């Protein structure tokens, strides 16, 4: 099994509904996101996937959140924009691009800060 990943960053504001504490107030984070794919085989060029394609797909997803108030973006207008929910959203959207017999999305990791991260992946 081969594993490849790409790391990107985005900045956004959010507030947590139904949370009692300072995070219920509007505040921001400089998020770090890692998407890891796995593959059984390599292409003729010797890759699981071209890093350019992986980074491009991730950039497209993150551009909708970068420098935005996440609570105003679907689905976060209904659910809390926690690191866990952000990781799940990115995972599900990456599945639309990378889900075949040869390539699978392994997991998505979202760091809200240097020492705090959430990971979402298949069961």
PDB file of N, CA and C in Angstrom:
ATOM      1  N   UNK A   1       0.858  -1.183   0.000  1.00  0.00           N
ATOM      2  CA  UNK A   1       0.000   0.000   0.000  1.00  0.00           C
ATOM      3  C   UNK A   1       0.896   1.235   0.000  1.00  0.00           C
ATOM      4  N   UNK A   2       0.543   2.203  -0.819  1.00  0.00           N
ATOM      5  CA  UNK A   2       1.247   3.480  -0.887  1.00  0.00           C
ATOM      6  C   UNK A   2       0.370   4.564  -0.259  1.00  0.00           C
ATOM      7  N   UNK A   3       1.006   5.526   0.385  1.00  0.00           N
ATOM      8  CA  UNK A   3       0.305   6.656   0.985  1.00  0.00           C
ATOM      9  C   UNK A   3       0.966   7.950   0.520  1.00  0.00           C
ATOM     10  N   UNK A   4       0.152   8.902   0.094  1.00  0.00           N
ATOM     11  CA  UNK A   4       0.644  10.227  -0.280  1.00  0.00           C
ATOM     12  C   UNK A   4      -0.243  11.261   0.387  1.00  0.00           C
ATOM     13  N   UNK A   5       0.348  12.398   0.702  1.00  0.00           N
ATOM     14  CA  UNK A   5      -0.451  13.436   1.347  1.00  0.00           C
ATOM     15  C   UNK A   5       0.004  14.814   0.896  1.00  0.00           C
ATOM     16  N   UNK A   6      -0.907  15.766   1.100  1.00  0.00           N
ATOM     17  CA  UNK A   6      -0.619  17.171   0.843  1.00  0.00           C
ATOM     18  C   UNK A   6      -1.107  17.966   2.035  1.00  0.00           C
ATOM     19  N   UNK A   7      -0.376  19.028   2.355  1.00  0.00           N
ATOM     20  CA  UNK A   7      -0.722  19.905   3.468  1.00  0.00           C
ATOM     21  C   UNK A   7      -0.936  21.308   2.914  1.00  0.00           C
ATOM     22  N   UNK A   8      -2.045  21.918   3.311  1.00  0.00           N
ATOM     23  CA  UNK A   8      -2.369  23.276   2.919  1.00  0.00           C
ATOM     24  C   UNK A   8      -2.851  24.031   4.154  1.00  0.00           C
ATOM     25  N   UNK A   9      -2.954  25.343   4.042  1.00  0.00           N
ATOM     26  CA  UNK A   9      -3.400  26.187   5.150  1.00  0.00           C
ATOM     27  C   UNK A   9      -4.523  27.108   4.687  1.00  0.00           C
ATOM     28  N   UNK A  10      -5.366  27.493   5.630  1.00  0.00           N
ATOM     29  CA  UNK A  10      -6.343  28.541   5.377  1.00  0.00           C
ATOM     30  C   UNK A  10      -6.658  29.237   6.695  1.00  0.00           C
ATOM     31  N   UNK A  11      -7.143  30.456   6.587  1.00  0.00           N
ATOM     32  CA  UNK A  11      -7.510  31.246   7.761  1.00  0.00           C
ATOM     33  C   UNK A  11      -9.000  31.532   7.701  1.00  0.00           C
ATOM     34  N   UNK A  12      -9.657  31.417   8.858  1.00  0.00           N
ATOM     35  CA  UNK A  12     -11.101  31.665   8.893  1.00  0.00           C
ATOM     36  C   UNK A  12     -11.535  31.993  10.313  1.00  0.00           C
ATOM     37  N   UNK A  13     -12.717  32.601  10.397  1.00  0.00           N
ATOM     38  CA  UNK A  13     -13.334  32.905  11.691  1.00  0.00           C
ATOM     39  C   UNK A  13     -14.520  31.977  11.899  1.00  0.00           C
ATOM     40  N   UNK A  14     -14.850  31.746  13.158  1.00  0.00           N
ATOM     41  CA  UNK A  14     -16.046  30.981  13.488  1.00  0.00           C
ATOM     42  C   UNK A  14     -16.433  31.242  14.933  1.00  0.00           C
ATOM     43  N   UNK A  15     -17.632  30.788  15.270  1.00  0.00           N
ATOM     44  CA  UNK A  15     -18.085  30.774  16.658  1.00  0.00           C
ATOM     45  C   UNK A  15     -18.842  29.466  16.841  1.00  0.00           C
ATOM     46  N   UNK A  16     -18.827  28.960  18.062  1.00  0.00           N
ATOM     47  CA  UNK A  16     -19.480  27.681  18.325  1.00  0.00           C
ATOM     48  C   UNK A  16     -20.820  27.897  19.012  1.00  0.00           C
ATOM     49  N   UNK A  17     -21.868  27.498  18.335  1.00  0.00           N
ATOM     50  CA  UNK A  17     -23.222  27.596  18.872  1.00  0.00           C
ATOM     51  C   UNK A  17     -23.428  26.500  19.919  1.00  0.00           C
ATOM     52  N   UNK A  18     -24.138  26.836  20.995  1.00  0.00           N
ATOM     53  CA  UNK A  18     -24.434  25.845  22.016  1.00  0.00           C
ATOM     54  C   UNK A  18     -23.243  25.470  22.875  1.00  0.00           C
ATOM     55  N   UNK A  19     -22.196  26.247  22.791  1.00  0.00           N
ATOM     56  CA  UNK A  19     -20.971  25.990  23.559  1.00  0.00           C
ATOM     57  C   UNK A  19     -20.864  27.066  24.629  1.00  0.00           C
ATOM     58  N   UNK A  20     -20.546  26.658  25.836  1.00  0.00           N
ATOM     59  CA  UNK A  20     -20.386  27.648  26.894  1.00  0.00           C
ATOM     60  C   UNK A  20     -18.906  27.806  27.187  1.00  0.00           C
ATOM     61  N   UNK A  21     -18.403  28.935  26.831  1.00  0.00           N
ATOM     62  CA  UNK A  21     -16.986  29.229  26.995  1.00  0.00           C
ATOM     63  C   UNK A  21     -16.587  30.273  25.977  1.00  0.00           C
ATOM     64  N   UNK A  22     -15.314  30.621  25.978  1.00  0.00           N
ATOM     65  CA  UNK A  22     -14.883  31.726  25.121  1.00  0.00           C
ATOM     66  C   UNK A  22     -15.018  31.420  23.627  1.00  0.00           C
ATOM     67  N   UNK A  23     -15.085  30.148  23.241  1.00  0.00           N
ATOM     68  CA  UNK A  23     -15.217  29.811  21.815  1.00  0.00           C
ATOM     69  C   UNK A  23     -16.624  30.038  21.271  1.00  0.00           C
ATOM     70  N   UNK A  24     -17.557  30.410  22.147  1.00  0.00           N
ATOM     71  CA  UNK A  24     -18.886  30.790  21.650  1.00  0.00           C
ATOM     72  C   UNK A  24     -18.831  32.167  20.993  1.00  0.00           C
ATOM     73  N   UNK A  25     -17.772  32.925  21.282  1.00  0.00           N
ATOM     74  CA  UNK A  25     -17.569  34.245  20.679  1.00  0.00           C
ATOM     75  C   UNK A  25     -16.843  34.099  19.347  1.00  0.00           C
ATOM     76  N   UNK A  26     -17.084  35.043  18.462  1.00  0.00           N
ATOM     77  CA  UNK A  26     -16.413  35.046  17.171  1.00  0.00           C
ATOM     78  C   UNK A  26     -14.898  35.132  17.381  1.00  0.00           C
ATOM     79  N   UNK A  27     -14.163  34.222  16.744  1.00  0.00           N
ATOM     80  CA  UNK A  27     -12.703  34.214  16.827  1.00  0.00           C
ATOM     81  C   UNK A  27     -12.161  33.519  15.577  1.00  0.00           C
ATOM     82  N   UNK A  28     -10.870  33.591  15.379  1.00  0.00           N
ATOM     83  CA  UNK A  28     -10.284  33.033  14.166  1.00  0.00           C
ATOM     84  C   UNK A  28      -9.185  32.030  14.432  1.00  0.00           C
ATOM     85  N   UNK A  29      -8.866  31.274  13.388  1.00  0.00           N
ATOM     86  CA  UNK A  29      -7.787  30.287  13.430  1.00  0.00           C
ATOM     87  C   UNK A  29      -7.028  30.324  12.116  1.00  0.00           C
ATOM     88  N   UNK A  30      -5.775  29.944  12.191  1.00  0.00           N
ATOM     89  CA  UNK A  30      -4.975  29.651  11.015  1.00  0.00           C
ATOM     90  C   UNK A  30      -4.905  28.133  10.940  1.00  0.00           C
ATOM     91  N   UNK A  31      -5.808  27.557  10.152  1.00  0.00           N
ATOM     92  CA  UNK A  31      -5.943  26.102  10.061  1.00  0.00           C
ATOM     93  C   UNK A  31      -4.848  25.491   9.198  1.00  0.00           C
ATOM     94  N   UNK A  32      -4.479  24.288   9.555  1.00  0.00           N
ATOM     95  CA  UNK A  32      -3.585  23.471   8.740  1.00  0.00           C
ATOM     96  C   UNK A  32      -4.370  22.207   8.409  1.00  0.00           C
ATOM     97  N   UNK A  33      -4.367  21.812   7.136  1.00  0.00           N
ATOM     98  CA  UNK A  33      -5.140  20.658   6.691  1.00  0.00           C
ATOM     99  C   UNK A  33      -4.216  19.686   5.955  1.00  0.00           C
ATOM    100  N   UNK A  34      -4.291  18.416   6.330  1.00  0.00           N
ATOM    101  CA  UNK A  34      -3.563  17.360   5.624  1.00  0.00           C
ATOM    102  C   UNK A  34      -4.566  16.362   5.078  1.00  0.00           C
ATOM    103  N   UNK A  35      -4.452  16.078   3.789  1.00  0.00           N
ATOM    104  CA  UNK A  35      -5.253  15.036   3.157  1.00  0.00           C
ATOM    105  C   UNK A  35      -4.300  13.922   2.755  1.00  0.00           C
ATOM    106  N   UNK A  36      -4.621  12.706   3.177  1.00  0.00           N
ATOM    107  CA  UNK A  36      -3.787  11.554   2.832  1.00  0.00           C
ATOM    108  C   UNK A  36      -4.603  10.568   2.007  1.00  0.00           C
ATOM    109  N   UNK A  37      -4.033  10.166   0.871  1.00  0.00           N
ATOM    110  CA  UNK A  37      -4.632   9.174  -0.009  1.00  0.00           C
ATOM    111  C   UNK A  37      -3.842   7.883   0.084  1.00  0.00           C
ATOM    112  N   UNK A  38      -4.485   6.771  -0.238  1.00  0.00           N
ATOM    113  CA  UNK A  38      -3.769   5.503  -0.303  1.00  0.00           C
ATOM    114  C   UNK A  38      -4.081   4.836  -1.628  1.00  0.00           C
ATOM    115  N   UNK A  39      -3.117   4.091  -2.106  1.00  0.00           N
ATOM    116  CA  UNK A  39      -3.299   3.401  -3.379  1.00  0.00           C
ATOM    117  C   UNK A  39      -2.552   2.085  -3.402  1.00  0.00           C
ATOM    118  N   UNK A  40      -3.135   1.117  -4.087  1.00  0.00           N
ATOM    119  CA  UNK A  40      -2.512  -0.198  -4.218  1.00  0.00           C
ATOM    120  C   UNK A  40      -1.495  -0.232  -5.347  1.00  0.00           C
ATOM    121  N   UNK A  41      -1.719   0.596  -6.346  1.00  0.00           N
ATOM    122  CA  UNK A  41      -0.880   0.571  -7.537  1.00  0.00           C
ATOM    123  C   UNK A  41      -0.373   1.965  -7.866  1.00  0.00           C
ATOM    124  N   UNK A  42       0.676   1.995  -8.649  1.00  0.00           N
ATOM    125  CA  UNK A  42       1.211   3.264  -9.145  1.00  0.00           C
ATOM    126  C   UNK A  42       0.834   3.430 -10.605  1.00  0.00           C
ATOM    127  N   UNK A  43       0.750   4.676 -11.028  1.00  0.00           N
ATOM    128  CA  UNK A  43       0.506   4.961 -12.437  1.00  0.00           C
ATOM    129  C   UNK A  43       1.740   4.582 -13.246  1.00  0.00           C
ATOM    130  N   UNK A  44       1.631   4.692 -14.559  1.00  0.00           N
ATOM    131  CA  UNK A  44       2.786   4.416 -15.425  1.00  0.00           C
ATOM    132  C   UNK A  44       3.950   5.335 -15.096  1.00  0.00           C
ATOM    133  N   UNK A  45       3.630   6.536 -14.586  1.00  0.00           N
ATOM    134  CA  UNK A  45       4.668   7.497 -14.209  1.00  0.00           C
ATOM    135  C   UNK A  45       5.248   7.198 -12.823  1.00  0.00           C
ATOM    136  N   UNK A  46       4.700   6.189 -12.124  1.00  0.00           N
ATOM    137  CA  UNK A  46       5.230   5.806 -10.815  1.00  0.00           C
ATOM    138  C   UNK A  46       4.630   6.569  -9.641  1.00  0.00           C
ATOM    139  N   UNK A  47       3.383   7.027  -9.781  1.00  0.00           N
ATOM    140  CA  UNK A  47       2.730   7.809  -8.724  1.00  0.00           C
ATOM    141  C   UNK A  47       1.402   7.175  -8.324  1.00  0.00           C
ATOM    142  N   UNK A  48       1.014   7.412  -7.072  1.00  0.00           N
ATOM    143  CA  UNK A  48      -0.357   7.093  -6.670  1.00  0.00           C
ATOM    144  C   UNK A  48      -1.271   8.097  -7.351  1.00  0.00           C
ATOM    145  N   UNK A  49      -0.921   9.358  -7.226  1.00  0.00           N
ATOM    146  CA  UNK A  49      -1.629  10.466  -7.856  1.00  0.00           C
ATOM    147  C   UNK A  49      -0.623  11.600  -8.014  1.00  0.00           C
ATOM    148  N   UNK A  50      -0.821  12.406  -9.011  1.00  0.00           N
ATOM    149  CA  UNK A  50       0.042  13.558  -9.208  1.00  0.00           C
ATOM    150  C   UNK A  50      -0.214  14.550  -8.074  1.00  0.00           C
ATOM    151  N   UNK A  51       0.837  14.989  -7.391  1.00  0.00           N
ATOM    152  CA  UNK A  51       0.680  15.938  -6.287  1.00  0.00           C
ATOM    153  C   UNK A  51      -0.025  17.219  -6.752  1.00  0.00           C
ATOM    154  N   UNK A  52       0.182  17.602  -7.992  1.00  0.00           N
ATOM    155  CA  UNK A  52      -0.479  18.793  -8.525  1.00  0.00           C
ATOM    156  C   UNK A  52      -1.992  18.613  -8.489  1.00  0.00           C
ATOM    157  N   UNK A  53      -2.481  17.432  -8.857  1.00  0.00           N
ATOM    158  CA  UNK A  53      -3.919  17.157  -8.841  1.00  0.00           C
ATOM    159  C   UNK A  53      -4.452  17.121  -7.407  1.00  0.00           C
ATOM    160  N   UNK A  54      -3.685  16.531  -6.505  1.00  0.00           N
ATOM    161  CA  UNK A  54      -4.090  16.456  -5.098  1.00  0.00           C
ATOM    162  C   UNK A  54      -4.177  17.854  -4.492  1.00  0.00           C
ATOM    163  N   UNK A  55      -3.151  18.650  -4.692  1.00  0.00           N
ATOM    164  CA  UNK A  55      -3.132  20.012  -4.136  1.00  0.00           C
ATOM    165  C   UNK A  55      -4.215  20.884  -4.768  1.00  0.00           C
ATOM    166  N   UNK A  56      -4.453  20.716  -6.052  1.00  0.00           N
ATOM    167  CA  UNK A  56      -5.479  21.490  -6.736  1.00  0.00           C
ATOM    168  C   UNK A  56      -6.870  21.185  -6.174  1.00  0.00           C
ATOM    169  N   UNK A  57      -7.161  19.911  -5.949  1.00  0.00           N
ATOM    170  CA  UNK A  57      -8.462  19.520  -5.387  1.00  0.00           C
ATOM    171  C   UNK A  57      -8.630  20.085  -3.985  1.00  0.00           C
ATOM    172  N   UNK A  58      -7.579  20.015  -3.186  1.00  0.00           N
ATOM    173  CA  UNK A  58      -7.647  20.543  -1.820  1.00  0.00           C
ATOM    174  C   UNK A  58      -7.776  22.063  -1.835  1.00  0.00           C
ATOM    175  N   UNK A  59      -7.017  22.722  -2.687  1.00  0.00           N
ATOM    176  CA  UNK A  59      -7.104  24.190  -2.800  1.00  0.00           C
ATOM    177  C   UNK A  59      -8.515  24.638  -3.152  1.00  0.00           C
ATOM    178  N   UNK A  60      -9.176  23.912  -4.042  1.00  0.00           N
ATOM    179  CA  UNK A  60     -10.527  24.274  -4.467  1.00  0.00           C
ATOM    180  C   UNK A  60     -11.493  24.229  -3.283  1.00  0.00           C
ATOM    181  N   UNK A  61     -11.374  23.215  -2.441  1.00  0.00           N
ATOM    182  CA  UNK A  61     -12.237  23.090  -1.262  1.00  0.00           C
ATOM    183  C   UNK A  61     -11.920  24.202  -0.266  1.00  0.00           C
ATOM    184  N   UNK A  62     -10.644  24.399   0.038  1.00  0.00           N
ATOM    185  CA  UNK A  62     -10.253  25.369   1.061  1.00  0.00           C
ATOM    186  C   UNK A  62     -10.521  26.811   0.632  1.00  0.00           C
ATOM    187  N   UNK A  63     -10.500  27.074  -0.660  1.00  0.00           N
ATOM    188  CA  UNK A  63     -10.728  28.451  -1.124  1.00  0.00           C
ATOM    189  C   UNK A  63     -12.123  28.945  -0.755  1.00  0.00           C
ATOM    190  N   UNK A  64     -13.075  28.038  -0.608  1.00  0.00           N
ATOM    191  CA  UNK A  64     -14.428  28.433  -0.208  1.00  0.00           C
ATOM    192  C   UNK A  64     -14.498  28.830   1.260  1.00  0.00           C
ATOM    193  N   UNK A  65     -13.493  28.421   2.051  1.00  0.00           N
ATOM    194  CA  UNK A  65     -13.483  28.717   3.482  1.00  0.00           C
ATOM    195  C   UNK A  65     -12.460  29.773   3.871  1.00  0.00           C
ATOM    196  N   UNK A  66     -11.459  29.996   3.035  1.00  0.00           N
ATOM    197  CA  UNK A  66     -10.357  30.882   3.372  1.00  0.00           C
ATOM    198  C   UNK A  66     -10.836  32.328   3.535  1.00  0.00           C
ATOM    199  N   UNK A  67     -10.463  32.913   4.663  1.00  0.00           N
ATOM    200  CA  UNK A  67     -10.806  34.295   5.005  1.00  0.00           C
ATOM    201  C   UNK A  67     -12.322  34.534   4.995  1.00  0.00           C
ATOM    202  N   UNK A  68     -13.042  33.547   5.497  1.00  0.00           N
ATOM    203  CA  UNK A  68     -14.495  33.632   5.592  1.00  0.00           C
ATOM    204  C   UNK A  68     -14.934  33.421   7.038  1.00  0.00           C
ATOM    205  N   UNK A  69     -16.183  33.784   7.309  1.00  0.00           N
ATOM    206  CA  UNK A  69     -16.831  33.455   8.582  1.00  0.00           C
ATOM    207  C   UNK A  69     -17.525  32.121   8.334  1.00  0.00           C
ATOM    208  N   UNK A  70     -16.978  31.053   8.881  1.00  0.00           N
ATOM    209  CA  UNK A  70     -17.440  29.710   8.552  1.00  0.00           C
ATOM    210  C   UNK A  70     -18.910  29.481   8.879  1.00  0.00           C
ATOM    211  N   UNK A  71     -19.422  30.141   9.904  1.00  0.00           N
ATOM    212  CA  UNK A  71     -20.829  29.963  10.279  1.00  0.00           C
ATOM    213  C   UNK A  71     -21.787  30.421   9.181  1.00  0.00           C
ATOM    214  N   UNK A  72     -21.289  31.154   8.212  1.00  0.00           N
ATOM    215  CA  UNK A  72     -22.119  31.657   7.124  1.00  0.00           C
ATOM    216  C   UNK A  72     -22.037  30.798   5.867  1.00  0.00           C
ATOM    217  N   UNK A  73     -21.246  29.708   5.932  1.00  0.00           N
ATOM    218  CA  UNK A  73     -21.026  28.836   4.774  1.00  0.00           C
ATOM    219  C   UNK A  73     -21.687  27.485   5.037  1.00  0.00           C
ATOM    220  N   UNK A  74     -22.388  26.954   4.034  1.00  0.00           N
ATOM    221  CA  UNK A  74     -22.990  25.619   4.160  1.00  0.00           C
ATOM    222  C   UNK A  74     -21.893  24.579   4.271  1.00  0.00           C
ATOM    223  N   UNK A  75     -22.025  23.583   5.108  1.00  0.00           N
ATOM    224  CA  UNK A  75     -23.137  23.231   5.988  1.00  0.00           C
ATOM    225  C   UNK A  75     -23.013  23.860   7.378  1.00  0.00           C
ATOM    226  N   UNK A  76     -22.034  24.754   7.544  1.00  0.00           N
ATOM    227  CA  UNK A  76     -21.761  25.306   8.875  1.00  0.00           C
ATOM    228  C   UNK A  76     -22.763  26.378   9.291  1.00  0.00           C
ATOM    229  N   UNK A  77     -23.686  26.698   8.404  1.00  0.00           N
ATOM    230  CA  UNK A  77     -24.791  27.564   8.806  1.00  0.00           C
ATOM    231  C   UNK A  77     -25.794  26.770   9.650  1.00  0.00           C
ATOM    232  N   UNK A  78     -25.670  25.424   9.625  1.00  0.00           N
ATOM    233  CA  UNK A  78     -26.563  24.560  10.400  1.00  0.00           C
ATOM    234  C   UNK A  78     -25.821  23.767  11.483  1.00  0.00           C
ATOM    235  N   UNK A  79     -24.588  23.352  11.189  1.00  0.00           N
ATOM    236  CA  UNK A  79     -23.786  22.585  12.162  1.00  0.00           C
ATOM    237  C   UNK A  79     -22.582  23.418  12.575  1.00  0.00           C
ATOM    238  N   UNK A  80     -22.050  23.138  13.744  1.00  0.00           N
ATOM    239  CA  UNK A  80     -20.902  23.896  14.234  1.00  0.00           C
ATOM    240  C   UNK A  80     -19.666  23.663  13.372  1.00  0.00           C
ATOM    241  N   UNK A  81     -18.932  24.724  13.066  1.00  0.00           N
ATOM    242  CA  UNK A  81     -17.704  24.593  12.288  1.00  0.00           C
ATOM    243  C   UNK A  81     -16.520  24.196  13.175  1.00  0.00           C
ATOM    244  N   UNK A  82     -16.644  23.030  13.786  1.00  0.00           N
ATOM    245  CA  UNK A  82     -15.558  22.495  14.608  1.00  0.00           C
ATOM    246  C   UNK A  82     -14.504  21.874  13.698  1.00  0.00           C
ATOM    247  N   UNK A  83     -13.329  21.631  14.225  1.00  0.00           N
ATOM    248  CA  UNK A  83     -12.276  20.963  13.447  1.00  0.00           C
ATOM    249  C   UNK A  83     -12.761  19.598  12.970  1.00  0.00           C
ATOM    250  N   UNK A  84     -13.539  18.911  13.810  1.00  0.00           N
ATOM    251  CA  UNK A  84     -14.059  17.592  13.439  1.00  0.00           C
ATOM    252  C   UNK A  84     -14.984  17.691  12.225  1.00  0.00           C
ATOM    253  N   UNK A  85     -15.904  18.657  12.260  1.00  0.00           N
ATOM    254  CA  UNK A  85     -16.843  18.815  11.153  1.00  0.00           C
ATOM    255  C   UNK A  85     -16.163  19.333   9.888  1.00  0.00           C
ATOM    256  N   UNK A  86     -15.152  20.162  10.044  1.00  0.00           N
ATOM    257  CA  UNK A  86     -14.392  20.632   8.883  1.00  0.00           C
ATOM    258  C   UNK A  86     -13.653  19.458   8.245  1.00  0.00           C
ATOM    259  N   UNK A  87     -13.039  18.610   9.065  1.00  0.00           N
ATOM    260  CA  UNK A  87     -12.323  17.435   8.546  1.00  0.00           C
ATOM    261  C   UNK A  87     -13.273  16.517   7.779  1.00  0.00           C
ATOM    262  N   UNK A  88     -14.463  16.293   8.323  1.00  0.00           N
ATOM    263  CA  UNK A  88     -15.437  15.417   7.656  1.00  0.00           C
ATOM    264  C   UNK A  88     -15.874  16.013   6.321  1.00  0.00           C
ATOM    265  N   UNK A  89     -16.145  17.316   6.295  1.00  0.00           N
ATOM    266  CA  UNK A  89     -16.547  17.975   5.054  1.00  0.00           C
ATOM    267  C   UNK A  89     -15.466  17.821   3.983  1.00  0.00           C
ATOM    268  N   UNK A  90     -14.222  18.099   4.345  1.00  0.00           N
ATOM    269  CA  UNK A  90     -13.121  17.989   3.381  1.00  0.00           C
ATOM    270  C   UNK A  90     -12.978  16.548   2.907  1.00  0.00           C
ATOM    271  N   UNK A  91     -13.078  15.594   3.822  1.00  0.00           N
ATOM    272  CA  UNK A  91     -12.993  14.168   3.469  1.00  0.00           C
ATOM    273  C   UNK A  91     -14.063  13.823   2.427  1.00  0.00           C
ATOM    274  N   UNK A  92     -15.303  14.198   2.713  1.00  0.00           N
ATOM    275  CA  UNK A  92     -16.404  13.862   1.806  1.00  0.00           C
ATOM    276  C   UNK A  92     -16.241  14.514   0.446  1.00  0.00           C
ATOM    277  N   UNK A  93     -15.738  15.736   0.414  1.00  0.00           N
ATOM    278  CA  UNK A  93     -15.540  16.406  -0.866  1.00  0.00           C
ATOM    279  C   UNK A  93     -14.347  15.827  -1.630  1.00  0.00           C
ATOM    280  N   UNK A  94     -13.321  15.394  -0.914  1.00  0.00           N
ATOM    281  CA  UNK A  94     -12.186  14.751  -1.579  1.00  0.00           C
ATOM    282  C   UNK A  94     -12.588  13.398  -2.170  1.00  0.00           C
ATOM    283  N   UNK A  95     -13.551  12.728  -1.528  1.00  0.00           N
ATOM    284  CA  UNK A  95     -14.046  11.454  -2.074  1.00  0.00           C
ATOM    285  C   UNK A  95     -14.620  11.625  -3.478  1.00  0.00           C
ATOM    286  N   UNK A  96     -15.211  12.777  -3.746  1.00  0.00           N
ATOM    287  CA  UNK A  96     -15.789  13.032  -5.067  1.00  0.00           C
ATOM    288  C   UNK A  96     -14.721  13.041  -6.155  1.00  0.00           C
ATOM    289  N   UNK A  97     -13.511  13.397  -5.780  1.00  0.00           N
ATOM    290  CA  UNK A  97     -12.405  13.473  -6.744  1.00  0.00           C
ATOM    291  C   UNK A  97     -11.535  12.211  -6.731  1.00  0.00           C
ATOM    292  N   UNK A  98     -11.331  11.647  -5.554  1.00  0.00           N
ATOM    293  CA  UNK A  98     -10.409  10.521  -5.409  1.00  0.00           C
ATOM    294  C   UNK A  98     -11.102   9.340  -4.734  1.00  0.00           C
ATOM    295  N   UNK A  99     -11.844   8.602  -5.491  1.00  0.00           N
ATOM    296  CA  UNK A  99     -12.481   7.400  -4.975  1.00  0.00           C
ATOM    297  C   UNK A  99     -12.630   6.421  -6.125  1.00  0.00           C
ATOM    298  N   UNK A 100     -11.722   5.471  -6.176  1.00  0.00           N
ATOM    299  CA  UNK A 100     -11.749   4.467  -7.239  1.00  0.00           C
ATOM    300  C   UNK A 100     -11.208   3.164  -6.666  1.00  0.00           C
ATOM    301  N   UNK A 101     -11.110   2.173  -7.513  1.00  0.00           N
ATOM    302  CA  UNK A 101     -10.547   0.892  -7.060  1.00  0.00           C
ATOM    303  C   UNK A 101      -9.058   1.038  -6.727  1.00  0.00           C
ATOM    304  N   UNK A 102      -8.408   1.999  -7.376  1.00  0.00           N
ATOM    305  CA  UNK A 102      -6.965   2.165  -7.199  1.00  0.00           C
ATOM    306  C   UNK A 102      -6.590   3.184  -6.137  1.00  0.00           C
ATOM    307  N   UNK A 103      -7.433   4.212  -5.934  1.00  0.00           N
ATOM    308  CA  UNK A 103      -7.109   5.300  -5.003  1.00  0.00           C
ATOM    309  C   UNK A 103      -8.267   5.515  -4.039  1.00  0.00           C
ATOM    310  N   UNK A 104      -7.948   5.684  -2.764  1.00  0.00           N
ATOM    311  CA  UNK A 104      -8.945   5.973  -1.732  1.00  0.00           C
ATOM    312  C   UNK A 104      -8.442   7.140  -0.884  1.00  0.00           C
ATOM    313  N   UNK A 105      -9.375   7.903  -0.351  1.00  0.00           N
ATOM    314  CA  UNK A 105      -9.022   8.918   0.633  1.00  0.00           C
ATOM    315  C   UNK A 105      -8.838   8.178   1.950  1.00  0.00           C
ATOM    316  N   UNK A 106      -7.649   8.278   2.532  1.00  0.00           N
ATOM    317  CA  UNK A 106      -7.338   7.562   3.767  1.00  0.00           C
ATOM    318  C   UNK A 106      -7.854   8.327   4.983  1.00  0.00           C
ATOM    319  N   UNK A 107      -7.451   9.588   5.090  1.00  0.00           N
ATOM    320  CA  UNK A 107      -7.979  10.427   6.163  1.00  0.00           C
ATOM    321  C   UNK A 107      -7.658  11.898   5.911  1.00  0.00           C
ATOM    322  N   UNK A 108      -8.341  12.739   6.686  1.00  0.00           N
ATOM    323  CA  UNK A 108      -8.118  14.188   6.654  1.00  0.00           C
ATOM    324  C   UNK A 108      -7.850  14.627   8.083  1.00  0.00           C
ATOM    325  N   UNK A 109      -6.805  15.424   8.261  1.00  0.00           N
ATOM    326  CA  UNK A 109      -6.450  15.965   9.573  1.00  0.00           C
ATOM    327  C   UNK A 109      -6.555  17.484   9.501  1.00  0.00           C
ATOM    328  N   UNK A 110      -7.239  18.062  10.473  1.00  0.00           N
ATOM    329  CA  UNK A 110      -7.377  19.517  10.553  1.00  0.00           C
ATOM    330  C   UNK A 110      -6.809  19.968  11.891  1.00  0.00           C
ATOM    331  N   UNK A 111      -5.773  20.821  11.828  1.00  0.00           N
ATOM    332  CA  UNK A 111      -5.204  21.441  13.025  1.00  0.00           C
ATOM    333  C   UNK A 111      -5.860  22.794  13.195  1.00  0.00           C
ATOM    334  N   UNK A 112      -6.447  23.009  14.361  1.00  0.00           N
ATOM    335  CA  UNK A 112      -7.035  24.300  14.680  1.00  0.00           C
ATOM    336  C   UNK A 112      -5.965  25.221  15.280  1.00  0.00           C
ATOM    337  N   UNK A 113      -4.986  24.595  15.891  1.00  0.00           N
ATOM    338  CA  UNK A 113      -3.841  25.310  16.445  1.00  0.00           C
ATOM    339  C   UNK A 113      -2.672  24.338  16.438  1.00  0.00           C
ATOM    340  N   UNK A 114      -1.520  24.796  16.853  1.00  0.00           N
ATOM    341  CA  UNK A 114      -0.302  23.979  16.833  1.00  0.00           C
ATOM    342  C   UNK A 114      -0.483  22.631  17.527  1.00  0.00           C
ATOM    343  N   UNK A 115      -1.191  22.606  18.643  1.00  0.00           N
ATOM    344  CA  UNK A 115      -1.283  21.371  19.413  1.00  0.00           C
ATOM    345  C   UNK A 115      -2.642  20.704  19.412  1.00  0.00           C
ATOM    346  N   UNK A 116      -3.594  21.181  18.609  1.00  0.00           N
ATOM    347  CA  UNK A 116      -4.955  20.632  18.640  1.00  0.00           C
ATOM    348  C   UNK A 116      -5.399  20.258  17.226  1.00  0.00           C
ATOM    349  N   UNK A 117      -5.710  18.976  17.027  1.00  0.00           N
ATOM    350  CA  UNK A 117      -6.113  18.525  15.710  1.00  0.00           C
ATOM    351  C   UNK A 117      -7.274  17.545  15.815  1.00  0.00           C
ATOM    352  N   UNK A 118      -7.985  17.396  14.706  1.00  0.00           N
ATOM    353  CA  UNK A 118      -9.064  16.421  14.582  1.00  0.00           C
ATOM    354  C   UNK A 118      -8.822  15.653  13.292  1.00  0.00           C
ATOM    355  N   UNK A 119      -9.090  14.346  13.327  1.00  0.00           N
ATOM    356  CA  UNK A 119      -8.887  13.485  12.166  1.00  0.00           C
ATOM    357  C   UNK A 119     -10.203  12.812  11.811  1.00  0.00           C
ATOM    358  N   UNK A 120     -10.488  12.747  10.505  1.00  0.00           N
ATOM    359  CA  UNK A 120     -11.662  12.024  10.039  1.00  0.00           C
ATOM    360  C   UNK A 120     -11.232  11.085   8.926  1.00  0.00           C
ATOM    361  N   UNK A 121     -11.717   9.854   9.010  1.00  0.00           N
ATOM    362  CA  UNK A 121     -11.429   8.857   7.992  1.00  0.00           C
ATOM    363  C   UNK A 121     -12.468   7.759   8.016  1.00  0.00           C
ATOM    364  N   UNK A 122     -12.309   6.783   7.144  1.00  0.00           N
ATOM    365  CA  UNK A 122     -13.296   5.707   7.069  1.00  0.00           C
ATOM    366  C   UNK A 122     -13.287   4.862   8.331  1.00  0.00           C
ATOM    367  N   UNK A 123     -14.371   4.137   8.507  1.00  0.00           N
ATOM    368  CA  UNK A 123     -14.505   3.271   9.688  1.00  0.00           C
ATOM    369  C   UNK A 123     -13.463   2.189   9.694  1.00  0.00           C
TER     370      UNK A 123
END
